[in-house]
């Protein structure tokens, strides 16, 4: 969860910069983080009141979202978990 929220925070910052400076002013990695933030809001936060997903489905969505980012950016997750789950969903 820590990695998800850190990435979301960076993505929100990138989106704010995009509004102020324009998309062309962002680096490639900032654009990826902005894409991550959009996907996080759509798939993770905005699940809807009637959604009934279990913890396993929630974790799988988290891994799917983290796979948007380059593995080298995921510094808050132990390598053994990255080896097991990164890019698998």
PDB file of N, CA and C in Angstrom:
ATOM      1  N   UNK A   1       0.828  -1.192   0.000  1.00  0.00           N
ATOM      2  CA  UNK A   1       0.000   0.000   0.000  1.00  0.00           C
ATOM      3  C   UNK A   1       0.869   1.251   0.000  1.00  0.00           C
ATOM      4  N   UNK A   2       1.964   1.188   0.722  1.00  0.00           N
ATOM      5  CA  UNK A   2       2.857   2.334   0.788  1.00  0.00           C
ATOM      6  C   UNK A   2       3.339   2.733  -0.609  1.00  0.00           C
ATOM      7  N   UNK A   3       3.723   1.751  -1.402  1.00  0.00           N
ATOM      8  CA  UNK A   3       4.199   2.018  -2.760  1.00  0.00           C
ATOM      9  C   UNK A   3       3.080   2.574  -3.628  1.00  0.00           C
ATOM     10  N   UNK A   4       1.881   2.033  -3.500  1.00  0.00           N
ATOM     11  CA  UNK A   4       0.737   2.530  -4.277  1.00  0.00           C
ATOM     12  C   UNK A   4       0.478   4.003  -3.988  1.00  0.00           C
ATOM     13  N   UNK A   5       0.431   4.360  -2.712  1.00  0.00           N
ATOM     14  CA  UNK A   5       0.124   5.741  -2.359  1.00  0.00           C
ATOM     15  C   UNK A   5       1.263   6.696  -2.698  1.00  0.00           C
ATOM     16  N   UNK A   6       2.499   6.239  -2.582  1.00  0.00           N
ATOM     17  CA  UNK A   6       3.636   7.074  -2.978  1.00  0.00           C
ATOM     18  C   UNK A   6       3.601   7.345  -4.482  1.00  0.00           C
ATOM     19  N   UNK A   7       3.299   6.305  -5.256  1.00  0.00           N
ATOM     20  CA  UNK A   7       3.224   6.468  -6.711  1.00  0.00           C
ATOM     21  C   UNK A   7       2.049   7.363  -7.094  1.00  0.00           C
ATOM     22  N   UNK A   8       0.938   7.199  -6.398  1.00  0.00           N
ATOM     23  CA  UNK A   8      -0.226   8.049  -6.668  1.00  0.00           C
ATOM     24  C   UNK A   8       0.090   9.508  -6.367  1.00  0.00           C
ATOM     25  N   UNK A   9       0.767   9.751  -5.268  1.00  0.00           N
ATOM     26  CA  UNK A   9       1.152  11.119  -4.909  1.00  0.00           C
ATOM     27  C   UNK A   9       2.046  11.737  -5.981  1.00  0.00           C
ATOM     28  N   UNK A  10       3.017  10.984  -6.438  1.00  0.00           N
ATOM     29  CA  UNK A  10       3.905  11.491  -7.501  1.00  0.00           C
ATOM     30  C   UNK A  10       3.126  11.712  -8.797  1.00  0.00           C
ATOM     31  N   UNK A  11       2.177  10.827  -9.086  1.00  0.00           N
ATOM     32  CA  UNK A  11       1.353  10.991 -10.276  1.00  0.00           C
ATOM     33  C   UNK A  11       0.480  12.232 -10.209  1.00  0.00           C
ATOM     34  N   UNK A  12      -0.068  12.506  -9.033  1.00  0.00           N
ATOM     35  CA  UNK A  12      -0.885  13.721  -8.862  1.00  0.00           C
ATOM     36  C   UNK A  12      -0.025  14.962  -9.066  1.00  0.00           C
ATOM     37  N   UNK A  13       1.184  14.949  -8.547  1.00  0.00           N
ATOM     38  CA  UNK A  13       2.101  16.078  -8.747  1.00  0.00           C
ATOM     39  C   UNK A  13       2.398  16.267 -10.231  1.00  0.00           C
ATOM     40  N   UNK A  14       2.622  15.172 -10.935  1.00  0.00           N
ATOM     41  CA  UNK A  14       2.898  15.245 -12.375  1.00  0.00           C
ATOM     42  C   UNK A  14       1.686  15.822 -13.116  1.00  0.00           C
ATOM     43  N   UNK A  15       0.490  15.412 -12.721  1.00  0.00           N
ATOM     44  CA  UNK A  15      -0.717  15.929 -13.366  1.00  0.00           C
ATOM     45  C   UNK A  15      -0.887  17.430 -13.102  1.00  0.00           C
ATOM     46  N   UNK A  16      -0.546  17.879 -11.903  1.00  0.00           N
ATOM     47  CA  UNK A  16      -0.613  19.306 -11.591  1.00  0.00           C
ATOM     48  C   UNK A  16       0.373  20.092 -12.440  1.00  0.00           C
ATOM     49  N   UNK A  17       1.583  19.553 -12.582  1.00  0.00           N
ATOM     50  CA  UNK A  17       2.573  20.208 -13.444  1.00  0.00           C
ATOM     51  C   UNK A  17       2.096  20.253 -14.889  1.00  0.00           C
ATOM     52  N   UNK A  18       1.424  19.208 -15.321  1.00  0.00           N
ATOM     53  CA  UNK A  18       0.921  19.152 -16.685  1.00  0.00           C
ATOM     54  C   UNK A  18      -0.094  20.271 -16.923  1.00  0.00           C
ATOM     55  N   UNK A  19      -0.912  20.543 -15.931  1.00  0.00           N
ATOM     56  CA  UNK A  19      -1.909  21.612 -16.047  1.00  0.00           C
ATOM     57  C   UNK A  19      -1.217  22.970 -16.133  1.00  0.00           C
ATOM     58  N   UNK A  20      -0.176  23.154 -15.351  1.00  0.00           N
ATOM     59  CA  UNK A  20       0.507  24.449 -15.288  1.00  0.00           C
ATOM     60  C   UNK A  20       1.449  24.659 -16.476  1.00  0.00           C
ATOM     61  N   UNK A  21       2.260  23.647 -16.766  1.00  0.00           N
ATOM     62  CA  UNK A  21       3.319  23.800 -17.763  1.00  0.00           C
ATOM     63  C   UNK A  21       3.016  23.160 -19.114  1.00  0.00           C
ATOM     64  N   UNK A  22       2.037  22.291 -19.148  1.00  0.00           N
ATOM     65  CA  UNK A  22       1.720  21.560 -20.368  1.00  0.00           C
ATOM     66  C   UNK A  22       2.397  20.207 -20.388  1.00  0.00           C
ATOM     67  N   UNK A  23       1.818  19.304 -21.137  1.00  0.00           N
ATOM     68  CA  UNK A  23       2.318  17.931 -21.198  1.00  0.00           C
ATOM     69  C   UNK A  23       3.739  17.857 -21.735  1.00  0.00           C
ATOM     70  N   UNK A  24       4.087  18.726 -22.658  1.00  0.00           N
ATOM     71  CA  UNK A  24       5.421  18.692 -23.268  1.00  0.00           C
ATOM     72  C   UNK A  24       6.533  18.972 -22.263  1.00  0.00           C
ATOM     73  N   UNK A  25       6.202  19.619 -21.142  1.00  0.00           N
ATOM     74  CA  UNK A  25       7.216  19.961 -20.148  1.00  0.00           C
ATOM     75  C   UNK A  25       7.543  18.796 -19.218  1.00  0.00           C
ATOM     76  N   UNK A  26       6.758  17.728 -19.270  1.00  0.00           N
ATOM     77  CA  UNK A  26       6.973  16.600 -18.381  1.00  0.00           C
ATOM     78  C   UNK A  26       7.956  15.597 -18.974  1.00  0.00           C
ATOM     79  N   UNK A  27       8.704  14.965 -18.100  1.00  0.00           N
ATOM     80  CA  UNK A  27       9.616  13.908 -18.537  1.00  0.00           C
ATOM     81  C   UNK A  27       8.805  12.658 -18.858  1.00  0.00           C
ATOM     82  N   UNK A  28       9.439  11.714 -19.511  1.00  0.00           N
ATOM     83  CA  UNK A  28       8.763  10.457 -19.839  1.00  0.00           C
ATOM     84  C   UNK A  28       8.262   9.748 -18.585  1.00  0.00           C
ATOM     85  N   UNK A  29       9.087   9.751 -17.522  1.00  0.00           N
ATOM     86  CA  UNK A  29       8.675   9.075 -16.293  1.00  0.00           C
ATOM     87  C   UNK A  29       7.523   9.817 -15.616  1.00  0.00           C
ATOM     88  N   UNK A  30       7.509  11.146 -15.707  1.00  0.00           N
ATOM     89  CA  UNK A  30       6.388  11.904 -15.153  1.00  0.00           C
ATOM     90  C   UNK A  30       5.091  11.574 -15.890  1.00  0.00           C
ATOM     91  N   UNK A  31       5.173  11.387 -17.179  1.00  0.00           N
ATOM     92  CA  UNK A  31       3.984  11.008 -17.954  1.00  0.00           C
ATOM     93  C   UNK A  31       3.475   9.628 -17.542  1.00  0.00           C
ATOM     94  N   UNK A  32       4.390   8.719 -17.243  1.00  0.00           N
ATOM     95  CA  UNK A  32       3.988   7.387 -16.788  1.00  0.00           C
ATOM     96  C   UNK A  32       3.305   7.484 -15.428  1.00  0.00           C
ATOM     97  N   UNK A  33       3.856   8.307 -14.550  1.00  0.00           N
ATOM     98  CA  UNK A  33       3.233   8.485 -13.234  1.00  0.00           C
ATOM     99  C   UNK A  33       1.860   9.135 -13.363  1.00  0.00           C
ATOM    100  N   UNK A  34       1.699  10.066 -14.277  1.00  0.00           N
ATOM    101  CA  UNK A  34       0.386  10.683 -14.502  1.00  0.00           C
ATOM    102  C   UNK A  34      -0.608   9.633 -14.993  1.00  0.00           C
ATOM    103  N   UNK A  35      -0.168   8.758 -15.887  1.00  0.00           N
ATOM    104  CA  UNK A  35      -1.010   7.665 -16.365  1.00  0.00           C
ATOM    105  C   UNK A  35      -1.382   6.746 -15.202  1.00  0.00           C
ATOM    106  N   UNK A  36      -0.415   6.452 -14.351  1.00  0.00           N
ATOM    107  CA  UNK A  36      -0.674   5.628 -13.171  1.00  0.00           C
ATOM    108  C   UNK A  36      -1.741   6.268 -12.282  1.00  0.00           C
ATOM    109  N   UNK A  37      -1.613   7.571 -12.032  1.00  0.00           N
ATOM    110  CA  UNK A  37      -2.575   8.263 -11.167  1.00  0.00           C
ATOM    111  C   UNK A  37      -3.981   8.172 -11.738  1.00  0.00           C
ATOM    112  N   UNK A  38      -4.124   8.354 -13.034  1.00  0.00           N
ATOM    113  CA  UNK A  38      -5.448   8.228 -13.673  1.00  0.00           C
ATOM    114  C   UNK A  38      -6.014   6.823 -13.491  1.00  0.00           C
ATOM    115  N   UNK A  39      -5.188   5.814 -13.729  1.00  0.00           N
ATOM    116  CA  UNK A  39      -5.637   4.425 -13.599  1.00  0.00           C
ATOM    117  C   UNK A  39      -5.955   4.090 -12.143  1.00  0.00           C
ATOM    118  N   UNK A  40      -5.161   4.605 -11.213  1.00  0.00           N
ATOM    119  CA  UNK A  40      -5.392   4.367  -9.792  1.00  0.00           C
ATOM    120  C   UNK A  40      -6.742   4.923  -9.368  1.00  0.00           C
ATOM    121  N   UNK A  41      -7.032   6.146  -9.800  1.00  0.00           N
ATOM    122  CA  UNK A  41      -8.322   6.759  -9.466  1.00  0.00           C
ATOM    123  C   UNK A  41      -9.483   5.974 -10.071  1.00  0.00           C
ATOM    124  N   UNK A  42      -9.313   5.539 -11.300  1.00  0.00           N
ATOM    125  CA  UNK A  42     -10.394   4.852 -12.004  1.00  0.00           C
ATOM    126  C   UNK A  42     -10.632   3.443 -11.457  1.00  0.00           C
ATOM    127  N   UNK A  43      -9.561   2.682 -11.252  1.00  0.00           N
ATOM    128  CA  UNK A  43      -9.706   1.270 -10.928  1.00  0.00           C
ATOM    129  C   UNK A  43      -9.644   0.957  -9.437  1.00  0.00           C
ATOM    130  N   UNK A  44      -9.007   1.812  -8.656  1.00  0.00           N
ATOM    131  CA  UNK A  44      -8.792   1.487  -7.253  1.00  0.00           C
ATOM    132  C   UNK A  44      -9.670   2.323  -6.330  1.00  0.00           C
ATOM    133  N   UNK A  45      -9.702   3.603  -6.574  1.00  0.00           N
ATOM    134  CA  UNK A  45     -10.432   4.507  -5.686  1.00  0.00           C
ATOM    135  C   UNK A  45     -11.915   4.560  -6.033  1.00  0.00           C
ATOM    136  N   UNK A  46     -12.236   4.623  -7.277  1.00  0.00           N
ATOM    137  CA  UNK A  46     -13.625   4.801  -7.716  1.00  0.00           C
ATOM    138  C   UNK A  46     -14.319   3.468  -7.974  1.00  0.00           C
ATOM    139  N   UNK A  47     -14.238   2.576  -7.021  1.00  0.00           N
ATOM    140  CA  UNK A  47     -14.818   1.261  -7.232  1.00  0.00           C
ATOM    141  C   UNK A  47     -16.336   1.270  -7.130  1.00  0.00           C
ATOM    142  N   UNK A  48     -16.908   2.292  -6.529  1.00  0.00           N
ATOM    143  CA  UNK A  48     -18.359   2.349  -6.395  1.00  0.00           C
ATOM    144  C   UNK A  48     -18.817   1.773  -5.064  1.00  0.00           C
ATOM    145  N   UNK A  49     -19.896   2.279  -4.577  1.00  0.00           N
ATOM    146  CA  UNK A  49     -20.414   1.896  -3.265  1.00  0.00           C
ATOM    147  C   UNK A  49     -20.862   0.439  -3.228  1.00  0.00           C
ATOM    148  N   UNK A  50     -21.405  -0.053  -4.301  1.00  0.00           N
ATOM    149  CA  UNK A  50     -21.948  -1.407  -4.322  1.00  0.00           C
ATOM    150  C   UNK A  50     -20.926  -2.470  -4.715  1.00  0.00           C
ATOM    151  N   UNK A  51     -19.712  -2.054  -5.021  1.00  0.00           N
ATOM    152  CA  UNK A  51     -18.674  -3.022  -5.391  1.00  0.00           C
ATOM    153  C   UNK A  51     -18.352  -3.898  -4.190  1.00  0.00           C
ATOM    154  N   UNK A  52     -18.139  -5.157  -4.441  1.00  0.00           N
ATOM    155  CA  UNK A  52     -17.864  -6.108  -3.368  1.00  0.00           C
ATOM    156  C   UNK A  52     -16.688  -6.978  -3.783  1.00  0.00           C
ATOM    157  N   UNK A  53     -15.488  -6.417  -3.673  1.00  0.00           N
ATOM    158  CA  UNK A  53     -14.324  -7.204  -4.047  1.00  0.00           C
ATOM    159  C   UNK A  53     -13.577  -7.626  -2.783  1.00  0.00           C
ATOM    160  N   UNK A  54     -13.005  -8.801  -2.845  1.00  0.00           N
ATOM    161  CA  UNK A  54     -12.279  -9.314  -1.687  1.00  0.00           C
ATOM    162  C   UNK A  54     -10.843  -8.801  -1.691  1.00  0.00           C
ATOM    163  N   UNK A  55     -10.108  -9.123  -0.635  1.00  0.00           N
ATOM    164  CA  UNK A  55      -8.749  -8.613  -0.481  1.00  0.00           C
ATOM    165  C   UNK A  55      -7.832  -9.115  -1.592  1.00  0.00           C
ATOM    166  N   UNK A  56      -8.021 -10.345  -2.031  1.00  0.00           N
ATOM    167  CA  UNK A  56      -7.172 -10.883  -3.098  1.00  0.00           C
ATOM    168  C   UNK A  56      -7.369 -10.107  -4.401  1.00  0.00           C
ATOM    169  N   UNK A  57      -8.605  -9.805  -4.743  1.00  0.00           N
ATOM    170  CA  UNK A  57      -8.881  -9.023  -5.949  1.00  0.00           C
ATOM    171  C   UNK A  57      -8.301  -7.621  -5.819  1.00  0.00           C
ATOM    172  N   UNK A  58      -8.416  -7.053  -4.631  1.00  0.00           N
ATOM    173  CA  UNK A  58      -7.864  -5.714  -4.389  1.00  0.00           C
ATOM    174  C   UNK A  58      -6.349  -5.709  -4.555  1.00  0.00           C
ATOM    175  N   UNK A  59      -5.681  -6.730  -4.015  1.00  0.00           N
ATOM    176  CA  UNK A  59      -4.230  -6.832  -4.164  1.00  0.00           C
ATOM    177  C   UNK A  59      -3.833  -7.037  -5.619  1.00  0.00           C
ATOM    178  N   UNK A  60      -4.577  -7.854  -6.340  1.00  0.00           N
ATOM    179  CA  UNK A  60      -4.282  -8.075  -7.760  1.00  0.00           C
ATOM    180  C   UNK A  60      -4.408  -6.788  -8.560  1.00  0.00           C
ATOM    181  N   UNK A  61      -5.415  -5.985  -8.247  1.00  0.00           N
ATOM    182  CA  UNK A  61      -5.567  -4.694  -8.919  1.00  0.00           C
ATOM    183  C   UNK A  61      -4.377  -3.805  -8.585  1.00  0.00           C
ATOM    184  N   UNK A  62      -3.952  -3.820  -7.332  1.00  0.00           N
ATOM    185  CA  UNK A  62      -2.780  -3.039  -6.937  1.00  0.00           C
ATOM    186  C   UNK A  62      -1.545  -3.429  -7.724  1.00  0.00           C
ATOM    187  N   UNK A  63      -1.311  -4.724  -7.878  1.00  0.00           N
ATOM    188  CA  UNK A  63      -0.156  -5.184  -8.658  1.00  0.00           C
ATOM    189  C   UNK A  63      -0.295  -4.816 -10.130  1.00  0.00           C
ATOM    190  N   UNK A  64      -1.500  -4.925 -10.649  1.00  0.00           N
ATOM    191  CA  UNK A  64      -1.720  -4.531 -12.051  1.00  0.00           C
ATOM    192  C   UNK A  64      -1.370  -3.057 -12.243  1.00  0.00           C
ATOM    193  N   UNK A  65      -1.800  -2.221 -11.311  1.00  0.00           N
ATOM    194  CA  UNK A  65      -1.508  -0.798 -11.406  1.00  0.00           C
ATOM    195  C   UNK A  65      -0.018  -0.525 -11.254  1.00  0.00           C
ATOM    196  N   UNK A  66       0.631  -1.171 -10.299  1.00  0.00           N
ATOM    197  CA  UNK A  66       2.068  -0.960 -10.118  1.00  0.00           C
ATOM    198  C   UNK A  66       2.868  -1.406 -11.331  1.00  0.00           C
ATOM    199  N   UNK A  67       2.329  -2.345 -12.085  1.00  0.00           N
ATOM    200  CA  UNK A  67       3.023  -2.818 -13.291  1.00  0.00           C
ATOM    201  C   UNK A  67       3.031  -1.785 -14.405  1.00  0.00           C
ATOM    202  N   UNK A  68       2.249  -0.715 -14.252  1.00  0.00           N
ATOM    203  CA  UNK A  68       2.317   0.406 -15.201  1.00  0.00           C
ATOM    204  C   UNK A  68       3.685   1.081 -15.098  1.00  0.00           C
ATOM    205  N   UNK A  69       4.224   1.089 -13.898  1.00  0.00           N
ATOM    206  CA  UNK A  69       5.498   1.760 -13.636  1.00  0.00           C
ATOM    207  C   UNK A  69       6.665   0.828 -13.932  1.00  0.00           C
ATOM    208  N   UNK A  70       7.801   1.387 -14.308  1.00  0.00           N
ATOM    209  CA  UNK A  70       8.989   0.554 -14.469  1.00  0.00           C
ATOM    210  C   UNK A  70       9.367  -0.073 -13.120  1.00  0.00           C
ATOM    211  N   UNK A  71       9.813  -1.286 -13.165  1.00  0.00           N
ATOM    212  CA  UNK A  71      10.183  -1.976 -11.922  1.00  0.00           C
ATOM    213  C   UNK A  71      11.214  -1.185 -11.121  1.00  0.00           C
ATOM    214  N   UNK A  72      12.093  -0.506 -11.790  1.00  0.00           N
ATOM    215  CA  UNK A  72      13.135   0.266 -11.101  1.00  0.00           C
ATOM    216  C   UNK A  72      12.573   1.387 -10.229  1.00  0.00           C
ATOM    217  N   UNK A  73      11.325   1.784 -10.473  1.00  0.00           N
ATOM    218  CA  UNK A  73      10.688   2.830  -9.679  1.00  0.00           C
ATOM    219  C   UNK A  73      10.066   2.296  -8.382  1.00  0.00           C
ATOM    220  N   UNK A  74       9.956   0.998  -8.256  1.00  0.00           N
ATOM    221  CA  UNK A  74       9.277   0.391  -7.110  1.00  0.00           C
ATOM    222  C   UNK A  74      10.289   0.063  -6.019  1.00  0.00           C
ATOM    223  N   UNK A  75      10.695   1.087  -5.310  1.00  0.00           N
ATOM    224  CA  UNK A  75      11.763   0.967  -4.319  1.00  0.00           C
ATOM    225  C   UNK A  75      11.250   0.627  -2.919  1.00  0.00           C
ATOM    226  N   UNK A  76       9.948   0.633  -2.732  1.00  0.00           N
ATOM    227  CA  UNK A  76       9.381   0.377  -1.405  1.00  0.00           C
ATOM    228  C   UNK A  76       8.886  -1.059  -1.251  1.00  0.00           C
ATOM    229  N   UNK A  77       9.169  -1.891  -2.228  1.00  0.00           N
ATOM    230  CA  UNK A  77       8.711  -3.282  -2.208  1.00  0.00           C
ATOM    231  C   UNK A  77       9.924  -4.194  -2.296  1.00  0.00           C
ATOM    232  N   UNK A  78       9.959  -5.172  -1.432  1.00  0.00           N
ATOM    233  CA  UNK A  78      11.045  -6.153  -1.414  1.00  0.00           C
ATOM    234  C   UNK A  78      11.112  -6.881  -2.757  1.00  0.00           C
ATOM    235  N   UNK A  79      12.319  -7.133  -3.224  1.00  0.00           N
ATOM    236  CA  UNK A  79      12.529  -7.797  -4.515  1.00  0.00           C
ATOM    237  C   UNK A  79      11.835  -9.150  -4.612  1.00  0.00           C
ATOM    238  N   UNK A  80      11.742  -9.876  -3.509  1.00  0.00           N
ATOM    239  CA  UNK A  80      11.105 -11.191  -3.571  1.00  0.00           C
ATOM    240  C   UNK A  80       9.628 -11.064  -3.944  1.00  0.00           C
ATOM    241  N   UNK A  81       8.962  -9.997  -3.508  1.00  0.00           N
ATOM    242  CA  UNK A  81       7.561  -9.784  -3.883  1.00  0.00           C
ATOM    243  C   UNK A  81       7.447  -9.273  -5.314  1.00  0.00           C
ATOM    244  N   UNK A  82       8.394  -8.447  -5.717  1.00  0.00           N
ATOM    245  CA  UNK A  82       8.402  -7.991  -7.110  1.00  0.00           C
ATOM    246  C   UNK A  82       8.605  -9.168  -8.052  1.00  0.00           C
ATOM    247  N   UNK A  83       9.529 -10.070  -7.682  1.00  0.00           N
ATOM    248  CA  UNK A  83       9.773 -11.259  -8.509  1.00  0.00           C
ATOM    249  C   UNK A  83       8.513 -12.109  -8.627  1.00  0.00           C
ATOM    250  N   UNK A  84       7.760 -12.171  -7.557  1.00  0.00           N
ATOM    251  CA  UNK A  84       6.577 -13.042  -7.544  1.00  0.00           C
ATOM    252  C   UNK A  84       5.356 -12.413  -8.235  1.00  0.00           C
ATOM    253  N   UNK A  85       5.168 -11.092  -8.091  1.00  0.00           N
ATOM    254  CA  UNK A  85       3.907 -10.485  -8.521  1.00  0.00           C
ATOM    255  C   UNK A  85       3.997  -9.437  -9.620  1.00  0.00           C
ATOM    256  N   UNK A  86       5.126  -8.765  -9.771  1.00  0.00           N
ATOM    257  CA  UNK A  86       5.227  -7.670 -10.729  1.00  0.00           C
ATOM    258  C   UNK A  86       5.012  -8.173 -12.160  1.00  0.00           C
ATOM    259  N   UNK A  87       4.082  -7.533 -12.860  1.00  0.00           N
ATOM    260  CA  UNK A  87       3.816  -7.859 -14.251  1.00  0.00           C
ATOM    261  C   UNK A  87       2.994  -9.116 -14.470  1.00  0.00           C
ATOM    262  N   UNK A  88       2.435  -9.687 -13.412  1.00  0.00           N
ATOM    263  CA  UNK A  88       1.688 -10.936 -13.537  1.00  0.00           C
ATOM    264  C   UNK A  88       0.170 -10.723 -13.681  1.00  0.00           C
ATOM    265  N   UNK A  89      -0.298  -9.487 -13.504  1.00  0.00           N
ATOM    266  CA  UNK A  89      -1.750  -9.243 -13.532  1.00  0.00           C
ATOM    267  C   UNK A  89      -2.116  -8.244 -14.603  1.00  0.00           C
TER     268      UNK A  89
END
